[in-house]
N, C-alpha and C. Protein backbone atom coordinates (compact mmCIF):
# COMPACT_ATOMS: atom_id res chain seq x y z
N MET A 1 -8.94 -31.84 -14.54
CA MET A 1 -7.80 -31.58 -15.39
C MET A 1 -7.92 -32.43 -16.65
N SER A 2 -7.27 -32.03 -17.69
CA SER A 2 -7.28 -32.78 -18.95
C SER A 2 -6.53 -34.10 -18.78
N ALA A 3 -6.52 -34.86 -19.86
CA ALA A 3 -5.85 -36.15 -19.85
C ALA A 3 -4.33 -36.01 -19.92
N LYS A 4 -3.82 -34.81 -20.05
CA LYS A 4 -2.37 -34.63 -20.13
C LYS A 4 -1.71 -35.05 -18.82
N GLN A 5 -0.54 -35.65 -18.97
CA GLN A 5 0.22 -36.12 -17.81
C GLN A 5 1.02 -34.96 -17.21
N LEU A 6 1.30 -35.08 -15.92
CA LEU A 6 2.18 -34.11 -15.27
C LEU A 6 3.63 -34.42 -15.62
N ILE A 7 4.40 -33.35 -15.77
CA ILE A 7 5.84 -33.49 -16.00
C ILE A 7 6.58 -32.78 -14.87
N GLU A 8 7.77 -33.23 -14.60
CA GLU A 8 8.63 -32.57 -13.63
C GLU A 8 9.25 -31.34 -14.30
N CYS A 9 9.32 -30.25 -13.57
CA CYS A 9 9.96 -29.04 -14.07
C CYS A 9 11.35 -28.92 -13.44
N GLU A 10 12.20 -28.16 -14.10
CA GLU A 10 13.52 -27.87 -13.54
C GLU A 10 13.33 -27.12 -12.23
N ARG A 11 14.03 -27.53 -11.19
CA ARG A 11 13.90 -26.92 -9.86
C ARG A 11 14.82 -25.70 -9.78
N VAL A 12 14.34 -24.59 -10.33
CA VAL A 12 15.15 -23.37 -10.42
C VAL A 12 15.20 -22.65 -9.08
N GLY A 13 16.24 -21.82 -8.92
CA GLY A 13 16.40 -20.98 -7.74
C GLY A 13 16.21 -19.52 -8.11
N LEU A 14 16.52 -18.64 -7.17
CA LEU A 14 16.34 -17.21 -7.40
C LEU A 14 17.22 -16.67 -8.52
N ASP A 15 18.35 -17.31 -8.79
CA ASP A 15 19.22 -16.86 -9.87
C ASP A 15 18.58 -17.03 -11.25
N TYR A 16 17.55 -17.84 -11.33
CA TYR A 16 16.87 -18.09 -12.60
C TYR A 16 16.28 -16.80 -13.18
N PHE A 17 15.88 -15.87 -12.33
CA PHE A 17 15.27 -14.63 -12.83
C PHE A 17 16.26 -13.82 -13.66
N GLU A 18 17.55 -14.05 -13.47
CA GLU A 18 18.58 -13.36 -14.25
C GLU A 18 18.96 -14.11 -15.52
N SER A 19 18.66 -15.41 -15.59
CA SER A 19 19.15 -16.22 -16.71
C SER A 19 18.06 -16.85 -17.57
N ALA A 20 16.81 -16.72 -17.21
CA ALA A 20 15.73 -17.38 -17.95
C ALA A 20 15.66 -16.90 -19.39
N PRO A 21 15.35 -17.79 -20.33
CA PRO A 21 15.23 -17.38 -21.73
C PRO A 21 14.11 -16.37 -21.97
N VAL A 22 13.04 -16.46 -21.17
CA VAL A 22 11.94 -15.50 -21.25
C VAL A 22 11.74 -14.92 -19.86
N SER A 23 11.76 -13.60 -19.76
CA SER A 23 11.56 -12.93 -18.48
C SER A 23 10.81 -11.63 -18.73
N VAL A 24 9.76 -11.40 -17.95
CA VAL A 24 8.93 -10.21 -18.09
C VAL A 24 8.76 -9.59 -16.71
N THR A 25 9.00 -8.28 -16.60
CA THR A 25 8.83 -7.58 -15.33
C THR A 25 7.82 -6.46 -15.50
N ALA A 26 6.91 -6.36 -14.54
CA ALA A 26 5.92 -5.28 -14.50
C ALA A 26 6.01 -4.63 -13.12
N THR A 27 5.78 -3.32 -13.06
CA THR A 27 5.78 -2.61 -11.78
C THR A 27 4.52 -1.77 -11.67
N GLU A 28 4.10 -1.58 -10.43
CA GLU A 28 2.89 -0.79 -10.19
C GLU A 28 2.96 -0.25 -8.76
N VAL A 29 2.58 1.02 -8.59
CA VAL A 29 2.44 1.60 -7.26
C VAL A 29 1.01 1.33 -6.80
N VAL A 30 0.89 0.76 -5.60
CA VAL A 30 -0.41 0.37 -5.05
C VAL A 30 -0.64 1.16 -3.77
N ALA A 31 -1.83 1.75 -3.63
CA ALA A 31 -2.17 2.51 -2.44
C ALA A 31 -2.56 1.54 -1.32
N ALA A 32 -1.55 0.88 -0.79
CA ALA A 32 -1.74 -0.09 0.30
C ALA A 32 -0.38 -0.36 0.93
N THR A 33 -0.41 -0.77 2.18
CA THR A 33 0.82 -1.13 2.86
C THR A 33 1.31 -2.50 2.37
N PRO A 34 2.58 -2.80 2.56
CA PRO A 34 3.07 -4.14 2.20
C PRO A 34 2.29 -5.24 2.93
N GLU A 35 1.91 -4.98 4.18
CA GLU A 35 1.15 -5.98 4.94
C GLU A 35 -0.18 -6.29 4.26
N ARG A 36 -0.87 -5.25 3.79
CA ARG A 36 -2.15 -5.47 3.10
C ARG A 36 -1.94 -6.21 1.79
N ILE A 37 -0.91 -5.87 1.06
CA ILE A 37 -0.63 -6.56 -0.21
C ILE A 37 -0.41 -8.05 0.05
N PHE A 38 0.32 -8.37 1.10
CA PHE A 38 0.55 -9.79 1.40
C PHE A 38 -0.71 -10.48 1.92
N GLU A 39 -1.61 -9.75 2.57
CA GLU A 39 -2.90 -10.35 2.93
C GLU A 39 -3.63 -10.80 1.66
N VAL A 40 -3.57 -9.98 0.62
CA VAL A 40 -4.21 -10.34 -0.65
C VAL A 40 -3.48 -11.51 -1.29
N PHE A 41 -2.16 -11.50 -1.27
CA PHE A 41 -1.40 -12.63 -1.82
C PHE A 41 -1.77 -13.94 -1.12
N LEU A 42 -2.01 -13.89 0.18
CA LEU A 42 -2.34 -15.09 0.95
C LEU A 42 -3.77 -15.57 0.74
N ASP A 43 -4.62 -14.72 0.21
CA ASP A 43 -6.03 -15.08 -0.01
C ASP A 43 -6.16 -15.87 -1.31
N ALA A 44 -6.43 -17.15 -1.19
CA ALA A 44 -6.50 -18.03 -2.37
C ALA A 44 -7.50 -17.53 -3.41
N ASP A 45 -8.63 -17.00 -2.96
CA ASP A 45 -9.67 -16.56 -3.90
C ASP A 45 -9.29 -15.29 -4.65
N SER A 46 -8.39 -14.49 -4.10
CA SER A 46 -8.03 -13.22 -4.74
C SER A 46 -7.30 -13.41 -6.07
N TRP A 47 -6.50 -14.46 -6.20
CA TRP A 47 -5.68 -14.64 -7.40
C TRP A 47 -6.52 -14.67 -8.67
N SER A 48 -7.65 -15.34 -8.64
CA SER A 48 -8.47 -15.44 -9.86
C SER A 48 -9.19 -14.13 -10.17
N ARG A 49 -9.18 -13.19 -9.25
CA ARG A 49 -9.85 -11.90 -9.47
C ARG A 49 -8.98 -10.91 -10.22
N TRP A 50 -7.67 -11.15 -10.23
CA TRP A 50 -6.80 -10.20 -10.94
C TRP A 50 -5.87 -10.87 -11.96
N ALA A 51 -5.56 -12.14 -11.78
CA ALA A 51 -4.67 -12.84 -12.72
C ALA A 51 -5.53 -13.69 -13.64
N PHE A 52 -5.82 -13.18 -14.82
CA PHE A 52 -6.76 -13.80 -15.75
C PHE A 52 -6.58 -15.30 -15.94
N PRO A 53 -5.35 -15.81 -16.11
CA PRO A 53 -5.23 -17.25 -16.37
C PRO A 53 -5.64 -18.14 -15.19
N ILE A 54 -5.59 -17.60 -13.96
CA ILE A 54 -5.82 -18.43 -12.77
C ILE A 54 -7.31 -18.63 -12.53
N THR A 55 -7.68 -19.90 -12.31
CA THR A 55 -9.07 -20.23 -11.98
C THR A 55 -9.21 -20.70 -10.53
N GLY A 56 -8.12 -21.06 -9.89
CA GLY A 56 -8.19 -21.49 -8.50
C GLY A 56 -6.81 -21.70 -7.91
N VAL A 57 -6.74 -21.55 -6.58
CA VAL A 57 -5.50 -21.74 -5.84
C VAL A 57 -5.82 -22.58 -4.61
N ASP A 58 -5.05 -23.63 -4.40
CA ASP A 58 -5.16 -24.46 -3.20
C ASP A 58 -3.83 -24.43 -2.47
N TRP A 59 -3.85 -23.92 -1.22
CA TRP A 59 -2.64 -23.98 -0.41
C TRP A 59 -2.48 -25.42 0.04
N THR A 60 -1.32 -26.00 -0.17
CA THR A 60 -1.08 -27.40 0.18
C THR A 60 -0.08 -27.54 1.33
N SER A 61 0.32 -26.43 1.89
CA SER A 61 1.19 -26.41 3.08
C SER A 61 0.46 -25.64 4.17
N PRO A 62 0.75 -25.96 5.42
CA PRO A 62 0.12 -25.21 6.51
C PRO A 62 0.65 -23.78 6.58
N MET A 63 -0.18 -22.91 7.16
CA MET A 63 0.24 -21.54 7.42
C MET A 63 1.00 -21.53 8.74
N PRO A 64 1.91 -20.63 8.99
CA PRO A 64 2.36 -19.59 8.07
C PRO A 64 3.29 -20.16 7.00
N LEU A 65 3.32 -19.46 5.87
CA LEU A 65 4.17 -19.88 4.77
C LEU A 65 5.64 -19.62 5.07
N GLU A 66 6.48 -20.37 4.38
CA GLU A 66 7.93 -20.22 4.49
C GLU A 66 8.54 -20.78 3.21
N VAL A 67 9.84 -20.60 3.05
CA VAL A 67 10.52 -21.22 1.91
C VAL A 67 10.27 -22.73 2.01
N GLY A 68 9.87 -23.32 0.89
CA GLY A 68 9.54 -24.74 0.85
C GLY A 68 8.05 -25.01 0.91
N SER A 69 7.24 -24.01 1.27
CA SER A 69 5.78 -24.18 1.28
C SER A 69 5.29 -24.41 -0.14
N THR A 70 4.12 -25.04 -0.26
CA THR A 70 3.61 -25.41 -1.58
C THR A 70 2.16 -24.99 -1.76
N ARG A 71 1.79 -24.89 -3.04
CA ARG A 71 0.39 -24.67 -3.40
C ARG A 71 0.20 -25.23 -4.81
N THR A 72 -1.06 -25.43 -5.16
CA THR A 72 -1.42 -25.84 -6.51
C THR A 72 -2.24 -24.73 -7.12
N VAL A 73 -1.88 -24.33 -8.33
CA VAL A 73 -2.59 -23.26 -9.04
C VAL A 73 -3.22 -23.86 -10.29
N TRP A 74 -4.53 -23.67 -10.41
CA TRP A 74 -5.30 -24.15 -11.56
C TRP A 74 -5.49 -23.00 -12.52
N MET A 75 -5.28 -23.26 -13.81
CA MET A 75 -5.34 -22.20 -14.81
C MET A 75 -6.18 -22.63 -16.00
N ARG A 76 -6.53 -21.63 -16.80
CA ARG A 76 -7.26 -21.91 -18.04
C ARG A 76 -6.40 -22.76 -18.95
N GLY A 77 -7.02 -23.49 -19.79
CA GLY A 77 -6.25 -24.20 -20.81
C GLY A 77 -6.60 -25.64 -21.03
N PRO A 78 -6.82 -26.52 -20.09
CA PRO A 78 -6.53 -26.38 -18.65
C PRO A 78 -5.05 -26.61 -18.38
N MET A 79 -4.56 -25.88 -17.43
CA MET A 79 -3.15 -25.96 -17.04
C MET A 79 -3.13 -26.04 -15.52
N VAL A 80 -2.10 -26.62 -14.99
CA VAL A 80 -1.93 -26.68 -13.54
C VAL A 80 -0.45 -26.48 -13.24
N GLY A 81 -0.18 -25.81 -12.14
CA GLY A 81 1.19 -25.67 -11.66
C GLY A 81 1.25 -26.09 -10.21
N HIS A 82 2.09 -27.07 -9.91
CA HIS A 82 2.36 -27.44 -8.52
C HIS A 82 3.59 -26.63 -8.13
N GLU A 83 3.38 -25.66 -7.24
CA GLU A 83 4.40 -24.65 -6.95
C GLU A 83 5.05 -24.85 -5.59
N GLU A 84 6.30 -24.41 -5.52
CA GLU A 84 7.05 -24.40 -4.26
C GLU A 84 7.64 -23.00 -4.09
N PHE A 85 7.52 -22.45 -2.89
CA PHE A 85 8.06 -21.12 -2.62
C PHE A 85 9.57 -21.20 -2.42
N ILE A 86 10.28 -20.36 -3.17
CA ILE A 86 11.74 -20.32 -3.10
C ILE A 86 12.23 -19.05 -2.40
N ALA A 87 11.31 -18.14 -2.10
CA ALA A 87 11.58 -16.97 -1.26
C ALA A 87 10.29 -16.62 -0.54
N TRP A 88 10.41 -16.28 0.73
CA TRP A 88 9.24 -15.83 1.48
C TRP A 88 9.71 -14.91 2.59
N GLU A 89 9.48 -13.62 2.41
CA GLU A 89 9.76 -12.61 3.41
C GLU A 89 8.48 -11.79 3.52
N LEU A 90 7.65 -12.10 4.51
CA LEU A 90 6.35 -11.48 4.66
C LEU A 90 6.46 -9.95 4.59
N GLY A 91 5.68 -9.35 3.70
CA GLY A 91 5.68 -7.91 3.54
C GLY A 91 6.77 -7.38 2.61
N ARG A 92 7.64 -8.28 2.14
CA ARG A 92 8.73 -7.81 1.29
C ARG A 92 8.91 -8.60 0.00
N ARG A 93 8.93 -9.93 0.10
CA ARG A 93 9.22 -10.71 -1.11
C ARG A 93 8.60 -12.10 -1.03
N MET A 94 8.09 -12.53 -2.17
CA MET A 94 7.74 -13.94 -2.32
C MET A 94 8.07 -14.35 -3.74
N ALA A 95 8.59 -15.55 -3.87
CA ALA A 95 8.91 -16.11 -5.18
C ALA A 95 8.60 -17.60 -5.13
N PHE A 96 8.15 -18.10 -6.26
CA PHE A 96 7.84 -19.53 -6.34
C PHE A 96 8.20 -20.05 -7.72
N ARG A 97 8.29 -21.36 -7.80
CA ARG A 97 8.58 -22.02 -9.07
C ARG A 97 7.59 -23.16 -9.25
N PHE A 98 7.44 -23.58 -10.50
CA PHE A 98 6.71 -24.82 -10.77
C PHE A 98 7.65 -25.98 -10.48
N ASN A 99 7.16 -26.95 -9.71
CA ASN A 99 7.85 -28.23 -9.59
C ASN A 99 7.29 -29.23 -10.58
N GLN A 100 6.00 -29.07 -10.90
CA GLN A 100 5.34 -29.91 -11.89
C GLN A 100 4.32 -29.08 -12.63
N THR A 101 4.08 -29.44 -13.89
CA THR A 101 3.02 -28.86 -14.69
C THR A 101 2.58 -29.91 -15.70
N ILE A 102 1.69 -29.53 -16.60
CA ILE A 102 1.20 -30.50 -17.57
C ILE A 102 2.17 -30.66 -18.73
N GLU A 103 2.11 -31.81 -19.35
CA GLU A 103 2.89 -32.10 -20.55
C GLU A 103 2.64 -30.99 -21.57
N GLY A 104 3.70 -30.48 -22.17
CA GLY A 104 3.57 -29.38 -23.13
C GLY A 104 3.72 -28.02 -22.48
N GLY A 105 3.75 -27.98 -21.15
CA GLY A 105 3.96 -26.72 -20.44
C GLY A 105 5.43 -26.36 -20.41
N PRO A 106 5.79 -25.29 -19.72
CA PRO A 106 7.20 -24.89 -19.67
C PRO A 106 8.04 -25.91 -18.92
N SER A 107 9.31 -26.02 -19.29
CA SER A 107 10.20 -26.92 -18.56
C SER A 107 10.71 -26.28 -17.27
N ALA A 108 10.62 -24.95 -17.19
CA ALA A 108 10.93 -24.21 -15.97
C ALA A 108 10.04 -22.97 -15.95
N PHE A 109 9.56 -22.61 -14.76
CA PHE A 109 8.70 -21.44 -14.62
C PHE A 109 8.84 -20.94 -13.20
N ALA A 110 8.93 -19.61 -13.04
CA ALA A 110 9.01 -19.01 -11.71
C ALA A 110 8.47 -17.59 -11.75
N GLU A 111 8.00 -17.13 -10.60
CA GLU A 111 7.55 -15.75 -10.44
C GLU A 111 8.17 -15.19 -9.18
N ASP A 112 8.45 -13.88 -9.21
CA ASP A 112 9.06 -13.18 -8.09
C ASP A 112 8.29 -11.89 -7.87
N TYR A 113 7.86 -11.66 -6.64
CA TYR A 113 7.14 -10.44 -6.28
C TYR A 113 7.96 -9.72 -5.21
N LEU A 114 8.43 -8.51 -5.55
CA LEU A 114 9.15 -7.66 -4.60
C LEU A 114 8.25 -6.50 -4.24
N VAL A 115 8.08 -6.24 -2.96
CA VAL A 115 7.21 -5.17 -2.48
C VAL A 115 8.07 -4.20 -1.67
N THR A 116 8.06 -2.94 -2.09
CA THR A 116 8.83 -1.89 -1.42
C THR A 116 7.87 -0.91 -0.77
N ASP A 117 8.03 -0.70 0.52
CA ASP A 117 7.21 0.25 1.27
C ASP A 117 7.64 1.67 0.91
N LEU A 118 6.73 2.46 0.35
CA LEU A 118 7.04 3.84 -0.01
C LEU A 118 6.82 4.80 1.16
N ARG A 119 6.44 4.25 2.31
CA ARG A 119 6.32 4.97 3.58
C ARG A 119 5.22 6.02 3.61
N ASP A 120 4.31 6.00 2.68
CA ASP A 120 3.20 6.97 2.68
C ASP A 120 1.87 6.26 2.46
N GLY A 121 1.80 4.99 2.89
CA GLY A 121 0.59 4.20 2.68
C GLY A 121 0.54 3.56 1.30
N ARG A 122 1.63 3.71 0.54
CA ARG A 122 1.70 3.10 -0.79
C ARG A 122 2.89 2.16 -0.85
N SER A 123 2.82 1.26 -1.80
CA SER A 123 3.91 0.29 -2.00
C SER A 123 4.18 0.14 -3.48
N LEU A 124 5.42 -0.11 -3.80
CA LEU A 124 5.81 -0.45 -5.16
C LEU A 124 5.85 -1.97 -5.26
N VAL A 125 5.10 -2.52 -6.22
CA VAL A 125 5.09 -3.96 -6.46
C VAL A 125 5.82 -4.20 -7.77
N GLU A 126 6.85 -5.04 -7.71
CA GLU A 126 7.62 -5.43 -8.90
C GLU A 126 7.43 -6.93 -9.09
N TRP A 127 6.86 -7.31 -10.22
CA TRP A 127 6.51 -8.71 -10.49
C TRP A 127 7.30 -9.19 -11.70
N THR A 128 8.09 -10.23 -11.51
CA THR A 128 8.85 -10.83 -12.60
C THR A 128 8.36 -12.25 -12.83
N MET A 129 8.07 -12.56 -14.08
CA MET A 129 7.68 -13.91 -14.50
C MET A 129 8.78 -14.40 -15.44
N ALA A 130 9.28 -15.60 -15.17
CA ALA A 130 10.38 -16.15 -15.98
C ALA A 130 10.06 -17.59 -16.36
N MET A 131 10.48 -17.98 -17.58
CA MET A 131 10.15 -19.34 -18.03
C MET A 131 11.09 -19.82 -19.11
N THR A 132 11.11 -21.14 -19.23
CA THR A 132 11.77 -21.83 -20.33
C THR A 132 10.68 -22.60 -21.05
N LEU A 133 10.42 -22.22 -22.28
CA LEU A 133 9.34 -22.84 -23.06
C LEU A 133 9.83 -24.11 -23.73
N THR A 134 8.88 -24.97 -24.11
CA THR A 134 9.20 -26.23 -24.77
C THR A 134 8.39 -26.36 -26.05
N GLY A 135 8.74 -27.32 -26.86
CA GLY A 135 7.97 -27.64 -28.06
C GLY A 135 7.88 -26.47 -29.02
N VAL A 136 6.74 -26.34 -29.66
CA VAL A 136 6.51 -25.28 -30.63
C VAL A 136 6.68 -23.90 -29.98
N SER A 137 6.23 -23.76 -28.74
CA SER A 137 6.34 -22.47 -28.04
C SER A 137 7.78 -21.99 -27.95
N ALA A 138 8.72 -22.92 -27.81
CA ALA A 138 10.13 -22.54 -27.68
C ALA A 138 10.63 -21.82 -28.92
N ARG A 139 10.06 -22.14 -30.07
CA ARG A 139 10.49 -21.47 -31.31
C ARG A 139 10.15 -19.98 -31.32
N PHE A 140 9.16 -19.61 -30.51
CA PHE A 140 8.71 -18.22 -30.48
C PHE A 140 9.10 -17.52 -29.18
N ALA A 141 10.05 -18.10 -28.45
CA ALA A 141 10.43 -17.58 -27.14
C ALA A 141 10.84 -16.11 -27.19
N ARG A 142 11.58 -15.71 -28.22
CA ARG A 142 12.03 -14.30 -28.25
C ARG A 142 10.89 -13.32 -28.47
N LEU A 143 9.74 -13.80 -28.94
CA LEU A 143 8.56 -12.96 -29.11
C LEU A 143 7.65 -13.00 -27.89
N THR A 144 7.82 -14.03 -27.07
CA THR A 144 6.92 -14.22 -25.93
C THR A 144 7.04 -13.10 -24.92
N GLY A 145 8.26 -12.73 -24.54
CA GLY A 145 8.45 -11.66 -23.56
C GLY A 145 7.80 -10.36 -23.99
N PRO A 146 8.11 -9.85 -25.18
CA PRO A 146 7.48 -8.62 -25.62
C PRO A 146 5.95 -8.73 -25.70
N ALA A 147 5.44 -9.89 -26.06
CA ALA A 147 3.99 -10.06 -26.15
C ALA A 147 3.36 -10.13 -24.75
N MET A 148 4.07 -10.72 -23.81
CA MET A 148 3.53 -10.87 -22.45
C MET A 148 3.63 -9.59 -21.64
N GLY A 149 4.56 -8.72 -21.97
CA GLY A 149 4.74 -7.49 -21.20
C GLY A 149 3.46 -6.72 -20.98
N PRO A 150 2.74 -6.35 -22.06
CA PRO A 150 1.49 -5.60 -21.87
C PRO A 150 0.43 -6.38 -21.09
N VAL A 151 0.39 -7.68 -21.28
CA VAL A 151 -0.59 -8.52 -20.57
C VAL A 151 -0.28 -8.52 -19.07
N ASN A 152 0.98 -8.71 -18.71
CA ASN A 152 1.34 -8.72 -17.30
C ASN A 152 1.15 -7.35 -16.66
N ARG A 153 1.46 -6.29 -17.39
CA ARG A 153 1.22 -4.94 -16.85
C ARG A 153 -0.27 -4.72 -16.61
N ALA A 154 -1.12 -5.20 -17.52
CA ALA A 154 -2.57 -5.07 -17.33
C ALA A 154 -3.03 -5.87 -16.11
N MET A 155 -2.49 -7.07 -15.93
CA MET A 155 -2.87 -7.86 -14.75
C MET A 155 -2.42 -7.17 -13.47
N LEU A 156 -1.23 -6.58 -13.45
CA LEU A 156 -0.76 -5.91 -12.25
C LEU A 156 -1.58 -4.65 -11.97
N ARG A 157 -2.05 -3.96 -13.01
CA ARG A 157 -2.97 -2.83 -12.80
C ARG A 157 -4.27 -3.34 -12.19
N LYS A 158 -4.75 -4.48 -12.66
CA LYS A 158 -5.97 -5.08 -12.11
C LYS A 158 -5.73 -5.47 -10.64
N PHE A 159 -4.54 -5.97 -10.32
CA PHE A 159 -4.19 -6.27 -8.94
C PHE A 159 -4.28 -4.99 -8.10
N ARG A 160 -3.69 -3.89 -8.59
CA ARG A 160 -3.75 -2.61 -7.87
C ARG A 160 -5.19 -2.21 -7.60
N THR A 161 -6.01 -2.24 -8.64
CA THR A 161 -7.42 -1.86 -8.50
C THR A 161 -8.12 -2.75 -7.48
N TYR A 162 -7.84 -4.04 -7.54
CA TYR A 162 -8.47 -4.98 -6.61
C TYR A 162 -8.04 -4.69 -5.17
N VAL A 163 -6.74 -4.54 -4.93
CA VAL A 163 -6.26 -4.26 -3.58
C VAL A 163 -6.84 -2.95 -3.07
N GLU A 164 -6.85 -1.92 -3.92
CA GLU A 164 -7.33 -0.61 -3.51
C GLU A 164 -8.84 -0.59 -3.28
N SER A 165 -9.57 -1.59 -3.79
CA SER A 165 -11.02 -1.67 -3.54
C SER A 165 -11.29 -2.17 -2.12
N ASN A 166 -10.22 -2.53 -1.40
CA ASN A 166 -10.29 -2.98 -0.02
C ASN A 166 -11.23 -4.18 0.15
N PRO A 167 -10.97 -5.26 -0.57
CA PRO A 167 -11.86 -6.42 -0.49
C PRO A 167 -11.80 -7.08 0.89
N THR A 168 -12.91 -7.68 1.27
CA THR A 168 -12.94 -8.50 2.48
C THR A 168 -12.33 -9.85 2.13
N LEU A 169 -11.37 -10.26 2.91
CA LEU A 169 -10.63 -11.48 2.60
C LEU A 169 -10.92 -12.55 3.65
N ALA A 170 -10.94 -13.78 3.18
CA ALA A 170 -11.08 -14.91 4.10
C ALA A 170 -9.75 -15.13 4.80
N PRO A 171 -9.79 -15.64 6.04
CA PRO A 171 -8.52 -15.95 6.69
C PRO A 171 -7.76 -17.01 5.90
N PRO A 172 -6.43 -16.91 5.84
CA PRO A 172 -5.66 -17.92 5.10
C PRO A 172 -5.90 -19.31 5.66
N SER A 173 -6.03 -20.26 4.76
CA SER A 173 -6.19 -21.65 5.19
C SER A 173 -5.39 -22.52 4.24
N SER A 174 -5.16 -23.74 4.67
CA SER A 174 -4.41 -24.66 3.83
C SER A 174 -5.09 -26.01 3.85
N LYS A 175 -4.82 -26.79 2.81
CA LYS A 175 -5.29 -28.16 2.75
C LYS A 175 -4.11 -29.04 3.09
N THR A 176 -4.17 -29.70 4.22
CA THR A 176 -3.04 -30.53 4.64
C THR A 176 -3.38 -31.99 4.59
C-alpha cells in the first residue's frame, strides 16, 4: 500500500443507500441461480475478474459469512477498503460498507447487491454503490453518479459474462 494513512469512515447502515450524496444503481439479468451468483460473490479471486478497480480480496472473518463479517479489498490507485457486511442473506442480499480506507478516500462508502430469483434459471442482480466524497472530489459529486453509471453497468455486464462462463471456483476460505 502507499504511504497514505488509513482513515475511519462513517459507519453507515442500510438507510444510507437512500440518503447518500452519490448513489449509482445498475441491474442485469444473469443466467444463473441465486445460489450460483453467491458462490461467485464468495470467491475472493472472482472479484478482480469483473470489477476493474479490484486487485485482490482477503476474507478476514471465518465462513460462513453473516452481518458483521469483514474483508479487505485492494484496489488500483492504490486504494484499500476494510469492509464490514451490514446485510447478509445468502442467495438474496449482501451489503457492506467501508469502515476504513486511505486518506483522501470517501468519508462513507457502501455497496448493496440484491438478487431476485426469476424462477427460470436466471436471476436479476441489482447493484447499488453509494458514497460521500471528500476533498476535491466532493466538488464534483453531482457529476460522479452520472459518470459512474455507465462504468458500473459495464462491470455488471462483465459479472454476468463471467458467471455465465461457469468458472471453476475455489472453496471459500478466510484469513483468521
